[in-house]
Amino acid sequence: MHFSRQRILEILKERGAATVDELSQELSLTTVTVRHHLDVLRSEGLVSDPEVRHRATPGRPQYSYGLTSHAASVFPTNYAGLALELINELKTHSSEQELAVIFEGVGRRILADSPHPAPGEPLEFRLDQAVGFLNSHGYLARWEPEQEGYRLHTCNCPYIEVSGAHQELCCMDLALVNSLLDAPVERQGRVIEGHSSCSYLVRAEAVPKNT
């Protein structure tokens, strides 16, 4: 992002709101330049429409600008660190069986809005549906036919900063793919093992005849 626009966002984050004159003075930019940057940020949904700020003394009304809720996405986050510590804490206070129940529940929640395979649907259609669902959740998925059957690749692990230490997430992903395809799946490679993708094989002989 342009340095001046990033600074405008930071100033608005710190102050809550600011006028064009205040931003101009803070950044040592002309008011025309500041307005241009604000217009760009508003078009990107990061800065809200101006609101009238009532003056304590007579004069023309001033307009202040603030951040939209979408602007939170441009500031640093630590979701991975939080997730890592939450799982560490769960492991400290839970048995393996209790952990398995928790991760199964997380998997069910993820699958709640997934496409449900119907009897008689071709596996190619299920694979297309699964790829669409996985991509909407950040997996960068694709599939391809091969001599043994079909191979599904997920080239991005959305949990890569956590899954290395907590491979229960890999087990959750395997169960997720099994449920999306409603067919036996063999995992044959993982990103955390240095592969370019997590790879899942559906053997042709394992696919029910009615799919």
N, C-alpha and C. Protein backbone atom coordinates (compact mmCIF):
# COMPACT_ATOMS: atom_id res chain seq x y z
N MET A 1 0.85 -1.19 0.00
CA MET A 1 0.00 0.00 0.00
C MET A 1 0.89 1.25 0.00
N HIS A 2 0.41 2.30 -0.66
CA HIS A 2 1.11 3.59 -0.70
C HIS A 2 1.41 4.05 0.73
N PHE A 3 2.62 4.54 0.97
CA PHE A 3 3.05 4.91 2.33
C PHE A 3 2.11 5.93 2.96
N SER A 4 1.73 6.97 2.21
CA SER A 4 0.88 8.02 2.79
C SER A 4 -0.49 7.47 3.18
N ARG A 5 -1.03 6.56 2.36
CA ARG A 5 -2.34 5.97 2.70
C ARG A 5 -2.24 5.09 3.93
N GLN A 6 -1.13 4.35 4.03
CA GLN A 6 -0.92 3.54 5.21
C GLN A 6 -0.84 4.41 6.46
N ARG A 7 -0.15 5.55 6.35
CA ARG A 7 -0.04 6.47 7.50
C ARG A 7 -1.39 7.06 7.86
N ILE A 8 -2.20 7.37 6.85
CA ILE A 8 -3.54 7.89 7.13
C ILE A 8 -4.33 6.86 7.93
N LEU A 9 -4.26 5.60 7.52
CA LEU A 9 -4.98 4.54 8.25
C LEU A 9 -4.47 4.43 9.68
N GLU A 10 -3.16 4.54 9.85
CA GLU A 10 -2.58 4.43 11.20
C GLU A 10 -3.02 5.59 12.08
N ILE A 11 -3.05 6.79 11.51
CA ILE A 11 -3.47 7.97 12.27
C ILE A 11 -4.93 7.84 12.68
N LEU A 12 -5.77 7.40 11.75
CA LEU A 12 -7.19 7.23 12.07
C LEU A 12 -7.39 6.12 13.10
N LYS A 13 -6.55 5.10 13.03
CA LYS A 13 -6.63 4.02 14.02
C LYS A 13 -6.28 4.54 15.41
N GLU A 14 -5.26 5.39 15.48
CA GLU A 14 -4.81 5.92 16.77
C GLU A 14 -5.80 6.94 17.34
N ARG A 15 -6.35 7.79 16.48
CA ARG A 15 -7.17 8.92 16.96
C ARG A 15 -8.66 8.64 16.92
N GLY A 16 -9.06 7.68 16.13
CA GLY A 16 -10.48 7.42 15.96
C GLY A 16 -11.07 8.18 14.79
N ALA A 17 -10.64 9.42 14.61
CA ALA A 17 -11.12 10.25 13.50
C ALA A 17 -10.17 11.43 13.33
N ALA A 18 -10.17 11.99 12.14
CA ALA A 18 -9.33 13.17 11.87
C ALA A 18 -9.89 13.91 10.68
N THR A 19 -9.62 15.23 10.63
CA THR A 19 -10.05 16.05 9.51
C THR A 19 -8.95 16.08 8.45
N VAL A 20 -9.31 16.62 7.28
CA VAL A 20 -8.33 16.77 6.22
C VAL A 20 -7.19 17.68 6.68
N ASP A 21 -7.53 18.79 7.37
CA ASP A 21 -6.50 19.72 7.83
C ASP A 21 -5.55 19.05 8.82
N GLU A 22 -6.11 18.23 9.72
CA GLU A 22 -5.27 17.56 10.70
C GLU A 22 -4.33 16.56 10.03
N LEU A 23 -4.86 15.82 9.06
CA LEU A 23 -4.03 14.85 8.34
C LEU A 23 -2.97 15.57 7.51
N SER A 24 -3.36 16.69 6.91
CA SER A 24 -2.42 17.47 6.12
C SER A 24 -1.24 17.95 6.96
N GLN A 25 -1.55 18.45 8.17
CA GLN A 25 -0.49 18.93 9.05
C GLN A 25 0.39 17.78 9.53
N GLU A 26 -0.23 16.66 9.88
CA GLU A 26 0.51 15.50 10.40
C GLU A 26 1.45 14.92 9.36
N LEU A 27 1.00 14.88 8.11
CA LEU A 27 1.76 14.22 7.05
C LEU A 27 2.60 15.19 6.22
N SER A 28 2.43 16.47 6.46
CA SER A 28 3.14 17.50 5.66
C SER A 28 2.79 17.36 4.18
N LEU A 29 1.49 17.18 3.91
CA LEU A 29 0.97 17.08 2.56
C LEU A 29 -0.06 18.17 2.34
N THR A 30 -0.30 18.53 1.09
CA THR A 30 -1.35 19.49 0.79
C THR A 30 -2.71 18.86 1.05
N THR A 31 -3.71 19.70 1.31
CA THR A 31 -5.05 19.18 1.54
C THR A 31 -5.59 18.48 0.29
N VAL A 32 -5.19 18.96 -0.90
CA VAL A 32 -5.62 18.32 -2.15
C VAL A 32 -5.10 16.88 -2.21
N THR A 33 -3.83 16.70 -1.83
CA THR A 33 -3.23 15.36 -1.86
C THR A 33 -3.90 14.46 -0.83
N VAL A 34 -4.16 15.00 0.36
CA VAL A 34 -4.82 14.21 1.40
C VAL A 34 -6.21 13.78 0.95
N ARG A 35 -6.95 14.68 0.33
CA ARG A 35 -8.30 14.33 -0.15
C ARG A 35 -8.22 13.22 -1.20
N HIS A 36 -7.20 13.29 -2.06
CA HIS A 36 -7.04 12.24 -3.07
C HIS A 36 -6.83 10.88 -2.39
N HIS A 37 -5.94 10.84 -1.41
CA HIS A 37 -5.67 9.58 -0.72
C HIS A 37 -6.93 9.09 0.01
N LEU A 38 -7.66 10.01 0.61
CA LEU A 38 -8.90 9.62 1.29
C LEU A 38 -9.92 9.06 0.31
N ASP A 39 -10.02 9.66 -0.86
CA ASP A 39 -10.96 9.15 -1.88
C ASP A 39 -10.60 7.73 -2.29
N VAL A 40 -9.30 7.47 -2.44
CA VAL A 40 -8.86 6.12 -2.80
C VAL A 40 -9.21 5.14 -1.68
N LEU A 41 -8.93 5.52 -0.45
CA LEU A 41 -9.22 4.64 0.69
C LEU A 41 -10.71 4.41 0.87
N ARG A 42 -11.51 5.42 0.58
CA ARG A 42 -12.97 5.25 0.65
C ARG A 42 -13.45 4.30 -0.44
N SER A 43 -12.86 4.41 -1.64
CA SER A 43 -13.25 3.51 -2.74
C SER A 43 -12.90 2.06 -2.42
N GLU A 44 -11.87 1.86 -1.58
CA GLU A 44 -11.46 0.52 -1.19
C GLU A 44 -12.22 0.02 0.04
N GLY A 45 -13.13 0.84 0.55
CA GLY A 45 -13.94 0.44 1.70
C GLY A 45 -13.22 0.49 3.03
N LEU A 46 -12.10 1.23 3.10
CA LEU A 46 -11.30 1.28 4.32
C LEU A 46 -11.59 2.50 5.18
N VAL A 47 -12.04 3.58 4.55
CA VAL A 47 -12.36 4.82 5.26
C VAL A 47 -13.83 5.16 5.03
N SER A 48 -14.49 5.58 6.08
CA SER A 48 -15.91 5.88 6.01
C SER A 48 -16.17 7.24 5.38
N ASP A 49 -17.41 7.49 5.02
CA ASP A 49 -17.79 8.81 4.49
C ASP A 49 -17.58 9.87 5.56
N PRO A 50 -17.27 11.10 5.15
CA PRO A 50 -17.00 12.15 6.15
C PRO A 50 -18.25 12.51 6.95
N GLU A 51 -18.01 12.86 8.21
CA GLU A 51 -19.08 13.32 9.09
C GLU A 51 -18.76 14.72 9.58
N VAL A 52 -19.80 15.51 9.76
CA VAL A 52 -19.60 16.89 10.21
C VAL A 52 -19.08 16.91 11.64
N ARG A 53 -18.00 17.65 11.84
CA ARG A 53 -17.49 17.88 13.20
C ARG A 53 -17.82 19.32 13.57
N HIS A 54 -18.64 19.49 14.57
CA HIS A 54 -19.07 20.84 14.96
C HIS A 54 -17.94 21.58 15.63
N ARG A 55 -17.76 22.83 15.23
CA ARG A 55 -16.68 23.65 15.73
C ARG A 55 -17.09 24.35 17.02
N ALA A 56 -16.12 24.61 17.89
CA ALA A 56 -16.41 25.36 19.12
C ALA A 56 -16.45 26.86 18.85
N THR A 57 -15.88 27.26 17.70
CA THR A 57 -15.86 28.67 17.33
C THR A 57 -16.54 28.84 15.98
N PRO A 58 -16.97 30.06 15.66
CA PRO A 58 -17.63 30.28 14.37
C PRO A 58 -16.69 29.93 13.21
N GLY A 59 -17.28 29.51 12.10
CA GLY A 59 -16.49 29.17 10.93
C GLY A 59 -17.15 28.07 10.13
N ARG A 60 -16.54 27.75 9.01
CA ARG A 60 -17.09 26.69 8.16
C ARG A 60 -17.02 25.35 8.88
N PRO A 61 -18.03 24.50 8.68
CA PRO A 61 -17.99 23.18 9.34
C PRO A 61 -16.81 22.35 8.84
N GLN A 62 -16.28 21.53 9.71
CA GLN A 62 -15.20 20.62 9.34
C GLN A 62 -15.76 19.21 9.22
N TYR A 63 -15.09 18.42 8.42
CA TYR A 63 -15.52 17.04 8.22
C TYR A 63 -14.41 16.09 8.66
N SER A 64 -14.80 15.11 9.45
CA SER A 64 -13.81 14.16 9.94
C SER A 64 -14.04 12.80 9.28
N TYR A 65 -12.96 12.05 9.22
CA TYR A 65 -12.97 10.73 8.59
C TYR A 65 -12.56 9.68 9.62
N GLY A 66 -13.16 8.52 9.50
CA GLY A 66 -12.81 7.41 10.38
C GLY A 66 -12.65 6.13 9.58
N LEU A 67 -12.29 5.05 10.25
CA LEU A 67 -12.09 3.77 9.60
C LEU A 67 -13.40 2.98 9.55
N THR A 68 -13.54 2.17 8.53
CA THR A 68 -14.65 1.22 8.47
C THR A 68 -14.22 -0.06 9.19
N SER A 69 -15.16 -0.96 9.42
CA SER A 69 -14.83 -2.24 10.06
C SER A 69 -13.90 -3.07 9.17
N HIS A 70 -14.00 -2.86 7.85
CA HIS A 70 -13.16 -3.60 6.91
C HIS A 70 -11.69 -3.23 7.07
N ALA A 71 -11.40 -2.06 7.59
CA ALA A 71 -10.02 -1.60 7.72
C ALA A 71 -9.21 -2.47 8.68
N ALA A 72 -9.89 -3.22 9.55
CA ALA A 72 -9.17 -4.09 10.49
C ALA A 72 -8.28 -5.09 9.76
N SER A 73 -8.64 -5.41 8.52
CA SER A 73 -7.90 -6.42 7.77
C SER A 73 -6.50 -5.95 7.36
N VAL A 74 -6.23 -4.64 7.39
CA VAL A 74 -4.92 -4.15 6.95
C VAL A 74 -3.94 -3.99 8.11
N PHE A 75 -4.42 -4.23 9.34
CA PHE A 75 -3.54 -4.12 10.50
C PHE A 75 -3.08 -5.51 10.95
N PRO A 76 -1.92 -5.57 11.61
CA PRO A 76 -1.38 -6.88 12.01
C PRO A 76 -2.34 -7.65 12.91
N THR A 77 -2.34 -8.96 12.74
CA THR A 77 -3.13 -9.85 13.61
C THR A 77 -2.22 -10.98 14.08
N ASN A 78 -2.71 -11.72 15.07
CA ASN A 78 -1.94 -12.85 15.59
C ASN A 78 -2.87 -14.03 15.85
N TYR A 79 -3.74 -14.31 14.86
CA TYR A 79 -4.67 -15.42 15.02
C TYR A 79 -3.94 -16.75 15.18
N ALA A 80 -2.86 -16.93 14.42
CA ALA A 80 -2.12 -18.19 14.51
C ALA A 80 -1.53 -18.38 15.89
N GLY A 81 -0.97 -17.31 16.45
CA GLY A 81 -0.41 -17.40 17.80
C GLY A 81 -1.46 -17.72 18.83
N LEU A 82 -2.62 -17.09 18.70
CA LEU A 82 -3.72 -17.36 19.62
C LEU A 82 -4.20 -18.80 19.49
N ALA A 83 -4.36 -19.28 18.25
CA ALA A 83 -4.81 -20.66 18.03
C ALA A 83 -3.81 -21.65 18.60
N LEU A 84 -2.53 -21.36 18.41
CA LEU A 84 -1.48 -22.25 18.92
C LEU A 84 -1.56 -22.37 20.44
N GLU A 85 -1.71 -21.25 21.12
CA GLU A 85 -1.76 -21.28 22.58
C GLU A 85 -3.06 -21.91 23.08
N LEU A 86 -4.16 -21.69 22.35
CA LEU A 86 -5.42 -22.32 22.75
C LEU A 86 -5.32 -23.85 22.67
N ILE A 87 -4.70 -24.35 21.60
CA ILE A 87 -4.56 -25.80 21.46
C ILE A 87 -3.59 -26.34 22.51
N ASN A 88 -2.51 -25.59 22.77
CA ASN A 88 -1.59 -25.99 23.84
C ASN A 88 -2.31 -26.12 25.18
N GLU A 89 -3.17 -25.15 25.45
CA GLU A 89 -3.92 -25.16 26.71
C GLU A 89 -4.92 -26.32 26.74
N LEU A 90 -5.57 -26.57 25.61
CA LEU A 90 -6.49 -27.71 25.54
C LEU A 90 -5.77 -29.02 25.82
N LYS A 91 -4.58 -29.16 25.25
CA LYS A 91 -3.82 -30.39 25.44
C LYS A 91 -3.36 -30.55 26.89
N THR A 92 -3.16 -29.44 27.57
CA THR A 92 -2.74 -29.49 28.96
C THR A 92 -3.85 -30.02 29.86
N HIS A 93 -5.09 -29.71 29.50
CA HIS A 93 -6.21 -30.02 30.38
C HIS A 93 -7.16 -31.09 29.83
N SER A 94 -6.83 -31.69 28.69
CA SER A 94 -7.73 -32.67 28.07
C SER A 94 -7.00 -33.97 27.78
N SER A 95 -7.75 -35.05 27.84
CA SER A 95 -7.21 -36.35 27.45
C SER A 95 -7.21 -36.46 25.93
N GLU A 96 -6.52 -37.47 25.39
CA GLU A 96 -6.51 -37.67 23.95
C GLU A 96 -7.92 -37.89 23.42
N GLN A 97 -8.72 -38.63 24.16
CA GLN A 97 -10.10 -38.89 23.73
C GLN A 97 -10.91 -37.60 23.71
N GLU A 98 -10.74 -36.77 24.73
CA GLU A 98 -11.46 -35.49 24.76
C GLU A 98 -11.02 -34.58 23.63
N LEU A 99 -9.71 -34.57 23.32
CA LEU A 99 -9.21 -33.78 22.20
C LEU A 99 -9.81 -34.25 20.88
N ALA A 100 -9.89 -35.56 20.71
CA ALA A 100 -10.46 -36.11 19.48
C ALA A 100 -11.90 -35.65 19.31
N VAL A 101 -12.66 -35.64 20.41
CA VAL A 101 -14.06 -35.19 20.35
C VAL A 101 -14.12 -33.71 19.96
N ILE A 102 -13.21 -32.91 20.53
CA ILE A 102 -13.19 -31.47 20.23
C ILE A 102 -12.90 -31.23 18.76
N PHE A 103 -11.88 -31.90 18.22
CA PHE A 103 -11.52 -31.68 16.81
C PHE A 103 -12.59 -32.24 15.87
N GLU A 104 -13.24 -33.31 16.26
CA GLU A 104 -14.36 -33.81 15.45
C GLU A 104 -15.47 -32.78 15.41
N GLY A 105 -15.71 -32.13 16.54
CA GLY A 105 -16.75 -31.09 16.59
C GLY A 105 -16.38 -29.89 15.73
N VAL A 106 -15.10 -29.51 15.74
CA VAL A 106 -14.66 -28.41 14.88
C VAL A 106 -14.88 -28.77 13.42
N GLY A 107 -14.52 -30.00 13.06
CA GLY A 107 -14.72 -30.45 11.68
C GLY A 107 -16.18 -30.40 11.27
N ARG A 108 -17.07 -30.81 12.18
CA ARG A 108 -18.52 -30.76 11.87
C ARG A 108 -18.98 -29.33 11.66
N ARG A 109 -18.45 -28.42 12.45
CA ARG A 109 -18.84 -27.01 12.28
C ARG A 109 -18.38 -26.48 10.93
N ILE A 110 -17.16 -26.84 10.52
CA ILE A 110 -16.67 -26.40 9.21
C ILE A 110 -17.54 -26.96 8.10
N LEU A 111 -17.99 -28.21 8.27
CA LEU A 111 -18.80 -28.88 7.24
C LEU A 111 -20.26 -28.43 7.23
N ALA A 112 -20.65 -27.63 8.21
CA ALA A 112 -22.06 -27.28 8.35
C ALA A 112 -22.64 -26.64 7.10
N ASP A 113 -21.83 -25.81 6.40
CA ASP A 113 -22.34 -25.14 5.19
C ASP A 113 -21.73 -25.73 3.92
N SER A 114 -21.26 -26.98 4.00
CA SER A 114 -20.64 -27.62 2.84
C SER A 114 -21.70 -28.31 1.98
N PRO A 115 -21.40 -28.54 0.69
CA PRO A 115 -22.31 -29.30 -0.16
C PRO A 115 -22.35 -30.76 0.29
N HIS A 116 -23.52 -31.33 0.38
CA HIS A 116 -23.66 -32.71 0.84
C HIS A 116 -23.82 -33.63 -0.37
N PRO A 117 -22.92 -34.59 -0.54
CA PRO A 117 -23.03 -35.52 -1.68
C PRO A 117 -24.36 -36.27 -1.63
N ALA A 118 -24.98 -36.41 -2.78
CA ALA A 118 -26.24 -37.13 -2.88
C ALA A 118 -26.01 -38.46 -3.60
N PRO A 119 -26.80 -39.47 -3.28
CA PRO A 119 -26.65 -40.76 -3.96
C PRO A 119 -26.75 -40.59 -5.48
N GLY A 120 -25.84 -41.23 -6.19
CA GLY A 120 -25.87 -41.19 -7.64
C GLY A 120 -25.08 -40.06 -8.26
N GLU A 121 -24.57 -39.14 -7.46
CA GLU A 121 -23.78 -38.05 -8.04
C GLU A 121 -22.43 -38.57 -8.53
N PRO A 122 -22.03 -38.23 -9.74
CA PRO A 122 -20.70 -38.65 -10.23
C PRO A 122 -19.61 -38.09 -9.33
N LEU A 123 -18.54 -38.85 -9.15
CA LEU A 123 -17.45 -38.39 -8.29
C LEU A 123 -16.82 -37.12 -8.83
N GLU A 124 -16.77 -36.97 -10.17
CA GLU A 124 -16.21 -35.74 -10.73
C GLU A 124 -16.99 -34.51 -10.24
N PHE A 125 -18.32 -34.66 -10.16
CA PHE A 125 -19.14 -33.56 -9.67
C PHE A 125 -18.84 -33.29 -8.20
N ARG A 126 -18.67 -34.35 -7.41
CA ARG A 126 -18.35 -34.18 -5.99
C ARG A 126 -16.99 -33.50 -5.83
N LEU A 127 -16.05 -33.87 -6.68
CA LEU A 127 -14.74 -33.25 -6.63
C LEU A 127 -14.83 -31.76 -6.95
N ASP A 128 -15.61 -31.41 -7.94
CA ASP A 128 -15.80 -29.99 -8.27
C ASP A 128 -16.40 -29.24 -7.08
N GLN A 129 -17.41 -29.86 -6.47
CA GLN A 129 -18.05 -29.23 -5.32
C GLN A 129 -17.08 -29.08 -4.16
N ALA A 130 -16.29 -30.13 -3.93
CA ALA A 130 -15.31 -30.11 -2.83
C ALA A 130 -14.26 -29.03 -3.07
N VAL A 131 -13.77 -28.92 -4.31
CA VAL A 131 -12.76 -27.90 -4.63
C VAL A 131 -13.32 -26.50 -4.38
N GLY A 132 -14.55 -26.27 -4.80
CA GLY A 132 -15.17 -24.97 -4.56
C GLY A 132 -15.27 -24.64 -3.08
N PHE A 133 -15.69 -25.63 -2.30
CA PHE A 133 -15.83 -25.42 -0.85
C PHE A 133 -14.48 -25.19 -0.20
N LEU A 134 -13.50 -26.03 -0.55
CA LEU A 134 -12.16 -25.89 0.04
C LEU A 134 -11.53 -24.55 -0.32
N ASN A 135 -11.70 -24.12 -1.57
CA ASN A 135 -11.13 -22.84 -1.98
C ASN A 135 -11.77 -21.67 -1.23
N SER A 136 -13.03 -21.79 -0.92
CA SER A 136 -13.70 -20.74 -0.15
C SER A 136 -13.17 -20.67 1.28
N HIS A 137 -12.46 -21.73 1.70
CA HIS A 137 -11.87 -21.76 3.04
C HIS A 137 -10.34 -21.66 3.00
N GLY A 138 -9.81 -21.24 1.84
CA GLY A 138 -8.39 -20.91 1.77
C GLY A 138 -7.43 -22.03 1.42
N TYR A 139 -7.93 -23.16 0.88
CA TYR A 139 -7.05 -24.31 0.65
C TYR A 139 -6.34 -24.31 -0.71
N LEU A 140 -6.76 -23.50 -1.65
CA LEU A 140 -6.19 -23.48 -3.00
C LEU A 140 -6.17 -24.91 -3.56
N ALA A 141 -7.36 -25.46 -3.76
CA ALA A 141 -7.52 -26.87 -4.13
C ALA A 141 -7.74 -27.06 -5.62
N ARG A 142 -7.40 -28.25 -6.10
CA ARG A 142 -7.67 -28.68 -7.47
C ARG A 142 -7.68 -30.21 -7.49
N TRP A 143 -8.24 -30.79 -8.54
CA TRP A 143 -8.20 -32.24 -8.66
C TRP A 143 -7.83 -32.63 -10.08
N GLU A 144 -7.38 -33.87 -10.23
CA GLU A 144 -7.01 -34.37 -11.55
C GLU A 144 -7.26 -35.88 -11.60
N PRO A 145 -7.65 -36.38 -12.77
CA PRO A 145 -7.78 -37.83 -12.91
C PRO A 145 -6.40 -38.46 -13.11
N GLU A 146 -6.25 -39.68 -12.70
CA GLU A 146 -5.03 -40.41 -12.97
C GLU A 146 -5.36 -41.89 -13.08
N GLN A 147 -4.36 -42.69 -13.41
CA GLN A 147 -4.60 -44.10 -13.71
C GLN A 147 -5.24 -44.83 -12.53
N GLU A 148 -4.85 -44.47 -11.32
CA GLU A 148 -5.37 -45.17 -10.13
C GLU A 148 -6.76 -44.68 -9.73
N GLY A 149 -7.16 -43.54 -10.21
CA GLY A 149 -8.45 -42.98 -9.83
C GLY A 149 -8.46 -41.47 -9.97
N TYR A 150 -8.55 -40.77 -8.84
CA TYR A 150 -8.57 -39.31 -8.83
C TYR A 150 -7.70 -38.81 -7.69
N ARG A 151 -7.04 -37.69 -7.94
CA ARG A 151 -6.19 -37.10 -6.91
C ARG A 151 -6.63 -35.66 -6.65
N LEU A 152 -6.86 -35.37 -5.38
CA LEU A 152 -7.22 -34.03 -4.94
C LEU A 152 -6.01 -33.40 -4.27
N HIS A 153 -5.67 -32.17 -4.70
CA HIS A 153 -4.54 -31.45 -4.12
C HIS A 153 -5.07 -30.22 -3.38
N THR A 154 -4.53 -29.97 -2.19
CA THR A 154 -4.75 -28.68 -1.52
C THR A 154 -3.37 -28.05 -1.36
N CYS A 155 -3.13 -27.01 -2.14
CA CYS A 155 -1.78 -26.43 -2.24
C CYS A 155 -1.47 -25.43 -1.13
N ASN A 156 -2.48 -25.03 -0.39
CA ASN A 156 -2.26 -24.10 0.72
C ASN A 156 -2.87 -24.69 1.99
N CYS A 157 -2.10 -24.70 3.06
CA CYS A 157 -2.63 -25.11 4.36
C CYS A 157 -3.01 -23.86 5.14
N PRO A 158 -4.31 -23.63 5.38
CA PRO A 158 -4.71 -22.42 6.10
C PRO A 158 -4.21 -22.39 7.54
N TYR A 159 -3.75 -23.56 8.04
CA TYR A 159 -3.32 -23.65 9.43
C TYR A 159 -1.82 -23.93 9.53
N ILE A 160 -1.04 -23.55 8.52
CA ILE A 160 0.35 -23.96 8.43
C ILE A 160 1.17 -23.53 9.65
N GLU A 161 0.81 -22.41 10.27
CA GLU A 161 1.57 -21.93 11.43
C GLU A 161 1.22 -22.70 12.69
N VAL A 162 0.21 -23.54 12.61
CA VAL A 162 -0.24 -24.30 13.79
C VAL A 162 -0.11 -25.80 13.57
N SER A 163 -0.36 -26.25 12.34
CA SER A 163 -0.45 -27.69 12.08
C SER A 163 0.87 -28.42 12.27
N GLY A 164 2.00 -27.73 12.12
CA GLY A 164 3.28 -28.39 12.33
C GLY A 164 3.43 -28.91 13.75
N ALA A 165 2.93 -28.14 14.71
CA ALA A 165 3.01 -28.54 16.11
C ALA A 165 1.81 -29.36 16.56
N HIS A 166 0.72 -29.24 15.84
CA HIS A 166 -0.52 -29.93 16.24
C HIS A 166 -1.12 -30.63 15.03
N GLN A 167 -0.68 -31.84 14.80
CA GLN A 167 -1.07 -32.54 13.59
C GLN A 167 -2.49 -33.12 13.66
N GLU A 168 -3.17 -32.87 14.77
CA GLU A 168 -4.59 -33.19 14.82
C GLU A 168 -5.35 -32.43 13.73
N LEU A 169 -4.82 -31.27 13.34
CA LEU A 169 -5.45 -30.49 12.27
C LEU A 169 -5.35 -31.22 10.93
N CYS A 170 -4.25 -31.96 10.72
CA CYS A 170 -4.12 -32.75 9.50
C CYS A 170 -5.16 -33.88 9.49
N CYS A 171 -5.37 -34.49 10.64
CA CYS A 171 -6.40 -35.54 10.75
C CYS A 171 -7.78 -34.95 10.48
N MET A 172 -8.00 -33.74 10.97
CA MET A 172 -9.28 -33.07 10.73
C MET A 172 -9.49 -32.82 9.24
N ASP A 173 -8.43 -32.40 8.55
CA ASP A 173 -8.53 -32.16 7.10
C ASP A 173 -8.83 -33.44 6.34
N LEU A 174 -8.20 -34.55 6.74
CA LEU A 174 -8.46 -35.83 6.09
C LEU A 174 -9.92 -36.22 6.25
N ALA A 175 -10.45 -36.06 7.46
CA ALA A 175 -11.86 -36.36 7.69
C ALA A 175 -12.76 -35.42 6.89
N LEU A 176 -12.32 -34.17 6.74
CA LEU A 176 -13.08 -33.18 5.97
C LEU A 176 -13.20 -33.61 4.51
N VAL A 177 -12.08 -34.02 3.91
CA VAL A 177 -12.09 -34.45 2.51
C VAL A 177 -12.92 -35.72 2.35
N ASN A 178 -12.80 -36.66 3.28
CA ASN A 178 -13.62 -37.87 3.23
C ASN A 178 -15.11 -37.53 3.21
N SER A 179 -15.50 -36.60 4.06
CA SER A 179 -16.92 -36.24 4.15
C SER A 179 -17.39 -35.51 2.90
N LEU A 180 -16.53 -34.64 2.36
CA LEU A 180 -16.93 -33.89 1.17
C LEU A 180 -17.14 -34.80 -0.04
N LEU A 181 -16.34 -35.86 -0.14
CA LEU A 181 -16.41 -36.76 -1.29
C LEU A 181 -17.28 -37.98 -1.02
N ASP A 182 -17.52 -38.27 0.24
CA ASP A 182 -18.26 -39.47 0.63
C ASP A 182 -17.68 -40.72 -0.05
N ALA A 183 -16.34 -40.81 0.00
CA ALA A 183 -15.63 -41.94 -0.60
C ALA A 183 -14.32 -42.12 0.16
N PRO A 184 -13.80 -43.36 0.24
CA PRO A 184 -12.53 -43.59 0.94
C PRO A 184 -11.39 -42.79 0.29
N VAL A 185 -10.61 -42.12 1.11
CA VAL A 185 -9.53 -41.26 0.64
C VAL A 185 -8.22 -41.65 1.32
N GLU A 186 -7.14 -41.70 0.54
CA GLU A 186 -5.80 -41.96 1.10
C GLU A 186 -4.98 -40.68 0.97
N ARG A 187 -4.43 -40.22 2.08
CA ARG A 187 -3.54 -39.07 2.00
C ARG A 187 -2.14 -39.56 1.65
N GLN A 188 -1.51 -38.92 0.66
CA GLN A 188 -0.22 -39.40 0.18
C GLN A 188 0.87 -38.33 0.21
N GLY A 189 0.63 -37.24 0.87
CA GLY A 189 1.64 -36.20 1.01
C GLY A 189 1.06 -35.01 1.74
N ARG A 190 1.92 -34.30 2.46
CA ARG A 190 1.47 -33.14 3.22
C ARG A 190 2.43 -31.96 3.02
N VAL A 191 1.87 -30.77 3.06
CA VAL A 191 2.68 -29.56 2.93
C VAL A 191 3.71 -29.48 4.05
N ILE A 192 3.33 -29.85 5.27
CA ILE A 192 4.26 -29.74 6.40
C ILE A 192 5.40 -30.75 6.31
N GLU A 193 5.31 -31.71 5.36
CA GLU A 193 6.40 -32.66 5.13
C GLU A 193 7.29 -32.21 3.97
N GLY A 194 7.02 -31.03 3.43
CA GLY A 194 7.83 -30.50 2.35
C GLY A 194 7.26 -30.70 0.96
N HIS A 195 6.08 -31.31 0.87
CA HIS A 195 5.44 -31.49 -0.44
C HIS A 195 4.81 -30.17 -0.90
N SER A 196 4.59 -30.07 -2.20
CA SER A 196 4.00 -28.84 -2.74
C SER A 196 2.52 -28.73 -2.41
N SER A 197 1.90 -29.84 -2.03
CA SER A 197 0.49 -29.83 -1.67
C SER A 197 0.20 -31.00 -0.73
N CYS A 198 -0.92 -30.90 -0.03
CA CYS A 198 -1.47 -32.07 0.63
C CYS A 198 -2.24 -32.84 -0.45
N SER A 199 -1.93 -34.12 -0.60
CA SER A 199 -2.46 -34.90 -1.73
C SER A 199 -3.35 -36.03 -1.20
N TYR A 200 -4.52 -36.16 -1.81
CA TYR A 200 -5.48 -37.19 -1.41
C TYR A 200 -5.88 -38.01 -2.64
N LEU A 201 -5.74 -39.33 -2.51
CA LEU A 201 -6.04 -40.23 -3.62
C LEU A 201 -7.34 -40.97 -3.36
N VAL A 202 -8.23 -40.95 -4.34
CA VAL A 202 -9.43 -41.77 -4.32
C VAL A 202 -9.24 -42.84 -5.39
N ARG A 203 -9.03 -44.06 -4.96
CA ARG A 203 -8.80 -45.15 -5.91
C ARG A 203 -10.09 -45.51 -6.65
N ALA A 204 -9.96 -45.82 -7.93
CA ALA A 204 -11.13 -46.10 -8.76
C ALA A 204 -11.94 -47.25 -8.20
N GLU A 205 -11.26 -48.29 -7.70
CA GLU A 205 -11.99 -49.46 -7.21
C GLU A 205 -12.71 -49.19 -5.90
N ALA A 206 -12.33 -48.06 -5.21
CA ALA A 206 -12.96 -47.73 -3.95
C ALA A 206 -14.23 -46.90 -4.13
N VAL A 207 -14.47 -46.44 -5.36
CA VAL A 207 -15.65 -45.61 -5.61
C VAL A 207 -16.86 -46.48 -5.81
N PRO A 208 -17.95 -46.29 -5.04
CA PRO A 208 -19.15 -47.08 -5.24
C PRO A 208 -19.66 -47.02 -6.67
N LYS A 209 -20.20 -48.10 -7.15
CA LYS A 209 -20.64 -48.18 -8.54
C LYS A 209 -21.73 -47.19 -8.90
N ASN A 210 -22.50 -46.71 -7.90
CA ASN A 210 -23.59 -45.80 -8.22
C ASN A 210 -23.16 -44.35 -8.24
N THR A 211 -21.81 -44.06 -8.13
CA THR A 211 -21.39 -42.66 -8.15
C THR A 211 -20.93 -42.28 -9.54
